[in-house]
Structures are given as structure tokens and as C-alpha cells.
Amino acid sequence: MIKVVIDTNIIVQGAQDENSYAFRIIREVIDGRIQAFATHQTMSENRQMLRKLVRDREYRTMLEDFFTNLQIVKIYQHLNIVSDPEDNKLIESCASSGAEYLITNDREVLDVEEYHGTKIVTPQEFWTAYKSDDDSGSSWNDWTKMLMGQ
């Protein structure tokens, strides 16, 4: 299963637009197809902030499901990669969890591009990579078999 760390700005975006890539990513975490990580502190702060920002009951329930599916990670190494300490916590979470992706819309974090094997990408970039990995040609093979009557 693919491992990710998701920035708060993505969670907010997903709660605001169910047609967004952010919403799709959150859904995949809830459905158990993507494994997302956060520190206990980050998760608690996100929960408090989103309770204030998100008024729609359905989205609040969805976000609670999302938080329930997060894997808690303990930070073993403190980093100073970007200027915002909160953003450094995201990179630290990636390093501690072995996450393959950090998903964010924060330009300064995106400019890092990769840190010790973790790709730092936008929701759209992640979704494109995720779906191309997910679709390992099986639908093409199924289509050609159907076409050939096999």
C-alpha cells in the first residue's frame, strides 16, 4: 500500500470541493487504499482547526473517518529544511514513516521536490502517479481479451 503524508491545506481543499484531487485522495485514505501518516500533535491540531472551518455535517463526518484512518508516527529526527516549522514537521513525518509522497500545495515545500526518497507533489501530481501505478495495464489487458473474444 502506498504511504503518504498529507498537508493540512489539502485536507481543507478536499473538504471544500468534492470534485478535487484532494477529495479523491482523502476518500482513498478512508477506504483503506492509501496509508496516510501524521504525528499525534499534527492530527490533533488539524482536527481542532477543521472543526472550526468545516460546518457541513457530512464533510465533518468524512474528516473524522479520515482522521480515524491516519497512522500515528513518532518523530525521531528534527529537521530544518524549510522556513516554516510546521512544514518541517511534515517532512519529519515522511522521514519517520517512510512515506513515498508528501502531498501539499505549499510552494516552498513543493520547491524541495524530494527528500530522502519522499516525492513532494501537488494533489494532481500525486493522483496521476497513483492512478498510473494502480492501473498496471490490467484494464488494457481486459479490453484486448474482450475484443479478441477470450
C-alpha atoms as a PDB file:
ATOM      1  CA  MET A   1       0.000   0.000   0.000  1.00  0.00           C
ATOM      2  CA  ILE A   2       1.254   3.453  -0.869  1.00  0.00           C
ATOM      3  CA  LYS A   3       2.322   5.636   2.089  1.00  0.00           C
ATOM      4  CA  VAL A   4       1.697   9.389   2.198  1.00  0.00           C
ATOM      5  CA  VAL A   5       1.760  12.425   4.444  1.00  0.00           C
ATOM      6  CA  ILE A   6      -0.949  14.969   3.646  1.00  0.00           C
ATOM      7  CA  ASP A   7      -0.583  18.682   4.393  1.00  0.00           C
ATOM      8  CA  THR A   8      -3.450  20.461   6.160  1.00  0.00           C
ATOM      9  CA  ASN A   9      -4.095  22.647   3.104  1.00  0.00           C
ATOM     10  CA  ILE A  10      -5.004  19.502   1.154  1.00  0.00           C
ATOM     11  CA  ILE A  11      -7.443  18.357   3.835  1.00  0.00           C
ATOM     12  CA  VAL A  12      -9.125  21.785   3.786  1.00  0.00           C
ATOM     13  CA  GLN A  13      -9.291  21.759  -0.019  1.00  0.00           C
ATOM     14  CA  GLY A  14     -10.778  18.267  -0.042  1.00  0.00           C
ATOM     15  CA  ALA A  15     -13.478  19.293   2.416  1.00  0.00           C
ATOM     16  CA  GLN A  16     -14.429  22.243   0.215  1.00  0.00           C
ATOM     17  CA  ASP A  17     -14.589  20.601  -3.204  1.00  0.00           C
ATOM     18  CA  GLU A  18     -15.681  17.014  -3.732  1.00  0.00           C
ATOM     19  CA  ASN A  19     -14.540  17.191  -7.359  1.00  0.00           C
ATOM     20  CA  SER A  20     -10.954  17.979  -6.348  1.00  0.00           C
ATOM     21  CA  TYR A  21      -7.982  15.641  -6.372  1.00  0.00           C
ATOM     22  CA  ALA A  22      -7.661  16.373  -2.650  1.00  0.00           C
ATOM     23  CA  PHE A  23     -11.152  14.959  -2.022  1.00  0.00           C
ATOM     24  CA  ARG A  24     -10.304  11.828  -4.020  1.00  0.00           C
ATOM     25  CA  ILE A  25      -7.121  11.301  -2.013  1.00  0.00           C
ATOM     26  CA  ILE A  26      -8.983  11.704   1.290  1.00  0.00           C
ATOM     27  CA  ARG A  27     -11.564   9.161   0.060  1.00  0.00           C
ATOM     28  CA  GLU A  28      -8.817   6.665  -0.788  1.00  0.00           C
ATOM     29  CA  VAL A  29      -7.406   7.017   2.745  1.00  0.00           C
ATOM     30  CA  ILE A  30     -10.866   6.480   4.243  1.00  0.00           C
ATOM     31  CA  ASP A  31     -11.429   3.448   2.011  1.00  0.00           C
ATOM     32  CA  GLY A  32      -8.072   1.963   3.074  1.00  0.00           C
ATOM     33  CA  ARG A  33      -6.366   2.108  -0.319  1.00  0.00           C
ATOM     34  CA  ILE A  34      -3.782   4.726   0.733  1.00  0.00           C
ATOM     35  CA  GLN A  35      -1.979   4.719   4.073  1.00  0.00           C
ATOM     36  CA  ALA A  36      -1.610   8.249   5.491  1.00  0.00           C
ATOM     37  CA  PHE A  37       0.616   9.265   8.397  1.00  0.00           C
ATOM     38  CA  ALA A  38       0.669  12.171  10.849  1.00  0.00           C
ATOM     39  CA  THR A  39       2.080  12.943  14.252  1.00  0.00           C
ATOM     40  CA  HIS A  40      -0.365  12.881  17.144  1.00  0.00           C
ATOM     41  CA  GLN A  41       0.173  16.624  17.617  1.00  0.00           C
ATOM     42  CA  THR A  42      -0.430  17.448  13.946  1.00  0.00           C
ATOM     43  CA  MET A  43      -3.561  15.315  13.841  1.00  0.00           C
ATOM     44  CA  SER A  44      -4.962  16.969  16.985  1.00  0.00           C
ATOM     45  CA  GLU A  45      -4.233  20.462  15.654  1.00  0.00           C
ATOM     46  CA  ASN A  46      -5.817  19.613  12.294  1.00  0.00           C
ATOM     47  CA  ARG A  47      -8.929  18.215  13.968  1.00  0.00           C
ATOM     48  CA  GLN A  48      -9.400  21.362  16.054  1.00  0.00           C
ATOM     49  CA  MET A  49      -8.840  23.705  13.130  1.00  0.00           C
ATOM     50  CA  LEU A  50     -11.115  21.785  10.765  1.00  0.00           C
ATOM     51  CA  ARG A  51     -13.923  21.625  13.329  1.00  0.00           C
ATOM     52  CA  LYS A  52     -13.951  25.421  13.192  1.00  0.00           C
ATOM     53  CA  LEU A  53     -13.637  25.682   9.411  1.00  0.00           C
ATOM     54  CA  VAL A  54     -15.965  22.916   8.220  1.00  0.00           C
ATOM     55  CA  ARG A  55     -19.627  23.465   9.023  1.00  0.00           C
ATOM     56  CA  ASP A  56     -21.196  20.830   6.791  1.00  0.00           C
ATOM     57  CA  ARG A  57     -22.067  17.778   8.907  1.00  0.00           C
ATOM     58  CA  GLU A  58     -21.407  15.308   6.074  1.00  0.00           C
ATOM     59  CA  TYR A  59     -17.891  16.654   5.491  1.00  0.00           C
ATOM     60  CA  ARG A  60     -17.173  16.724   9.218  1.00  0.00           C
ATOM     61  CA  THR A  61     -18.132  13.054   9.414  1.00  0.00           C
ATOM     62  CA  MET A  62     -15.951  12.303   6.404  1.00  0.00           C
ATOM     63  CA  LEU A  63     -12.998  14.091   8.016  1.00  0.00           C
ATOM     64  CA  GLU A  64     -13.479  12.184  11.266  1.00  0.00           C
ATOM     65  CA  ASP A  65     -13.341   8.972   9.208  1.00  0.00           C
ATOM     66  CA  PHE A  66     -10.156  10.305   7.600  1.00  0.00           C
ATOM     67  CA  PHE A  67      -8.547  11.047  10.978  1.00  0.00           C
ATOM     68  CA  THR A  68      -9.565   7.621  12.264  1.00  0.00           C
ATOM     69  CA  ASN A  69      -7.658   6.040   9.373  1.00  0.00           C
ATOM     70  CA  LEU A  70      -4.443   8.026   9.909  1.00  0.00           C
ATOM     71  CA  GLN A  71      -1.452   6.119  11.207  1.00  0.00           C
ATOM     72  CA  ILE A  72       0.299   7.929  14.056  1.00  0.00           C
ATOM     73  CA  VAL A  73       4.033   8.344  13.570  1.00  0.00           C
ATOM     74  CA  LYS A  74       6.633   9.370  16.123  1.00  0.00           C
ATOM     75  CA  ILE A  75       9.289  11.873  15.048  1.00  0.00           C
ATOM     76  CA  TYR A  76      12.845  10.650  15.537  1.00  0.00           C
ATOM     77  CA  GLN A  77      14.718  13.430  13.768  1.00  0.00           C
ATOM     78  CA  HIS A  78      14.048  17.179  13.794  1.00  0.00           C
ATOM     79  CA  LEU A  79      14.761  18.903  10.502  1.00  0.00           C
ATOM     80  CA  ASN A  80      15.195  22.454   9.283  1.00  0.00           C
ATOM     81  CA  ILE A  81      14.582  22.145   5.546  1.00  0.00           C
ATOM     82  CA  VAL A  82      12.061  24.969   5.004  1.00  0.00           C
ATOM     83  CA  SER A  83      11.389  28.202   6.902  1.00  0.00           C
ATOM     84  CA  ASP A  84       8.052  27.185   8.483  1.00  0.00           C
ATOM     85  CA  PRO A  85       8.489  24.836  11.481  1.00  0.00           C
ATOM     86  CA  GLU A  86       5.030  23.328  10.820  1.00  0.00           C
ATOM     87  CA  ASP A  87       6.097  22.384   7.295  1.00  0.00           C
ATOM     88  CA  ASN A  88       9.297  20.855   8.672  1.00  0.00           C
ATOM     89  CA  LYS A  89       7.073  18.610  10.818  1.00  0.00           C
ATOM     90  CA  LEU A  90       5.522  17.251   7.618  1.00  0.00           C
ATOM     91  CA  ILE A  91       8.942  16.383   6.215  1.00  0.00           C
ATOM     92  CA  GLU A  92       9.899  14.841   9.569  1.00  0.00           C
ATOM     93  CA  SER A  93       6.737  12.715   9.417  1.00  0.00           C
ATOM     94  CA  CYS A  94       7.758  11.496   5.977  1.00  0.00           C
ATOM     95  CA  ALA A  95      11.243  10.596   7.180  1.00  0.00           C
ATOM     96  CA  SER A  96       9.897   8.714  10.216  1.00  0.00           C
ATOM     97  CA  SER A  97       7.119   6.870   8.376  1.00  0.00           C
ATOM     98  CA  GLY A  98       8.925   6.029   5.155  1.00  0.00           C
ATOM     99  CA  ALA A  99       6.210   7.837   3.202  1.00  0.00           C
ATOM    100  CA  GLU A 100       6.634   7.763  -0.542  1.00  0.00           C
ATOM    101  CA  TYR A 101       4.815  11.071  -1.049  1.00  0.00           C
ATOM    102  CA  LEU A 102       4.216  14.337   0.759  1.00  0.00           C
ATOM    103  CA  ILE A 103       1.101  15.914  -0.752  1.00  0.00           C
ATOM    104  CA  THR A 104       0.892  19.700  -0.428  1.00  0.00           C
ATOM    105  CA  ASN A 105       0.047  22.936  -2.212  1.00  0.00           C
ATOM    106  CA  ASP A 106       2.658  24.909  -0.253  1.00  0.00           C
ATOM    107  CA  ARG A 107       5.069  26.387  -2.811  1.00  0.00           C
ATOM    108  CA  GLU A 108       8.111  26.449  -0.502  1.00  0.00           C
ATOM    109  CA  VAL A 109       7.648  22.781   0.383  1.00  0.00           C
ATOM    110  CA  LEU A 110       6.989  21.841  -3.255  1.00  0.00           C
ATOM    111  CA  ASP A 111      10.260  23.539  -4.237  1.00  0.00           C
ATOM    112  CA  VAL A 112      12.131  20.910  -2.187  1.00  0.00           C
ATOM    113  CA  GLU A 113      10.774  18.328  -4.708  1.00  0.00           C
ATOM    114  CA  GLU A 114      12.167  15.263  -2.888  1.00  0.00           C
ATOM    115  CA  TYR A 115      13.630  14.455   0.499  1.00  0.00           C
ATOM    116  CA  HIS A 116      15.351  11.106   1.128  1.00  0.00           C
ATOM    117  CA  GLY A 117      13.092   9.204  -1.251  1.00  0.00           C
ATOM    118  CA  THR A 118       9.868  11.073  -0.460  1.00  0.00           C
ATOM    119  CA  LYS A 119       8.480  12.864  -3.504  1.00  0.00           C
ATOM    120  CA  ILE A 120       6.858  16.207  -2.670  1.00  0.00           C
ATOM    121  CA  VAL A 121       3.929  16.778  -5.012  1.00  0.00           C
ATOM    122  CA  THR A 122       0.605  18.521  -5.553  1.00  0.00           C
ATOM    123  CA  PRO A 123      -2.639  16.535  -5.290  1.00  0.00           C
ATOM    124  CA  GLN A 124      -2.912  16.370  -9.074  1.00  0.00           C
ATOM    125  CA  GLU A 125       0.662  15.121  -9.478  1.00  0.00           C
ATOM    126  CA  PHE A 126       0.080  12.504  -6.796  1.00  0.00           C
ATOM    127  CA  TRP A 127      -3.223  11.370  -8.307  1.00  0.00           C
ATOM    128  CA  THR A 128      -1.649  10.976 -11.750  1.00  0.00           C
ATOM    129  CA  ALA A 129       1.214   8.874 -10.341  1.00  0.00           C
ATOM    130  CA  TYR A 130      -1.114   6.897  -8.067  1.00  0.00           C
ATOM    131  CA  LYS A 131      -3.534   6.025 -10.838  1.00  0.00           C
ATOM    132  CA  SER A 132      -0.766   5.111 -13.276  1.00  0.00           C
ATOM    133  CA  ASP A 133       0.705   2.754 -10.633  1.00  0.00           C
ATOM    134  CA  ASP A 134      -2.780   1.465  -9.791  1.00  0.00           C
ATOM    135  CA  ASP A 135      -3.567   0.716 -13.428  1.00  0.00           C
ATOM    136  CA  SER A 136      -0.763  -1.715 -14.147  1.00  0.00           C
ATOM    137  CA  GLY A 137      -2.184  -2.440 -17.560  1.00  0.00           C
ATOM    138  CA  SER A 138      -4.907  -4.761 -16.323  1.00  0.00           C
ATOM    139  CA  SER A 139      -7.734  -2.740 -17.856  1.00  0.00           C
ATOM    140  CA  TRP A 140      -5.905  -2.670 -21.197  1.00  0.00           C
ATOM    141  CA  ASN A 141      -5.366  -6.431 -20.990  1.00  0.00           C
ATOM    142  CA  ASP A 142      -9.030  -6.988 -20.098  1.00  0.00           C
ATOM    143  CA  TRP A 143     -10.135  -4.799 -23.015  1.00  0.00           C
ATOM    144  CA  THR A 144      -7.941  -6.629 -25.534  1.00  0.00           C
ATOM    145  CA  LYS A 145      -9.123 -10.032 -24.269  1.00  0.00           C
ATOM    146  CA  MET A 146     -12.733  -8.920 -24.613  1.00  0.00           C
ATOM    147  CA  LEU A 147     -12.059  -7.604 -28.106  1.00  0.00           C
ATOM    148  CA  MET A 148     -10.456 -10.889 -29.144  1.00  0.00           C
ATOM    149  CA  GLY A 149     -13.250 -12.937 -27.591  1.00  0.00           C
ATOM    150  CA  GLN A 150     -11.069 -14.596 -24.961  1.00  0.00           C
END
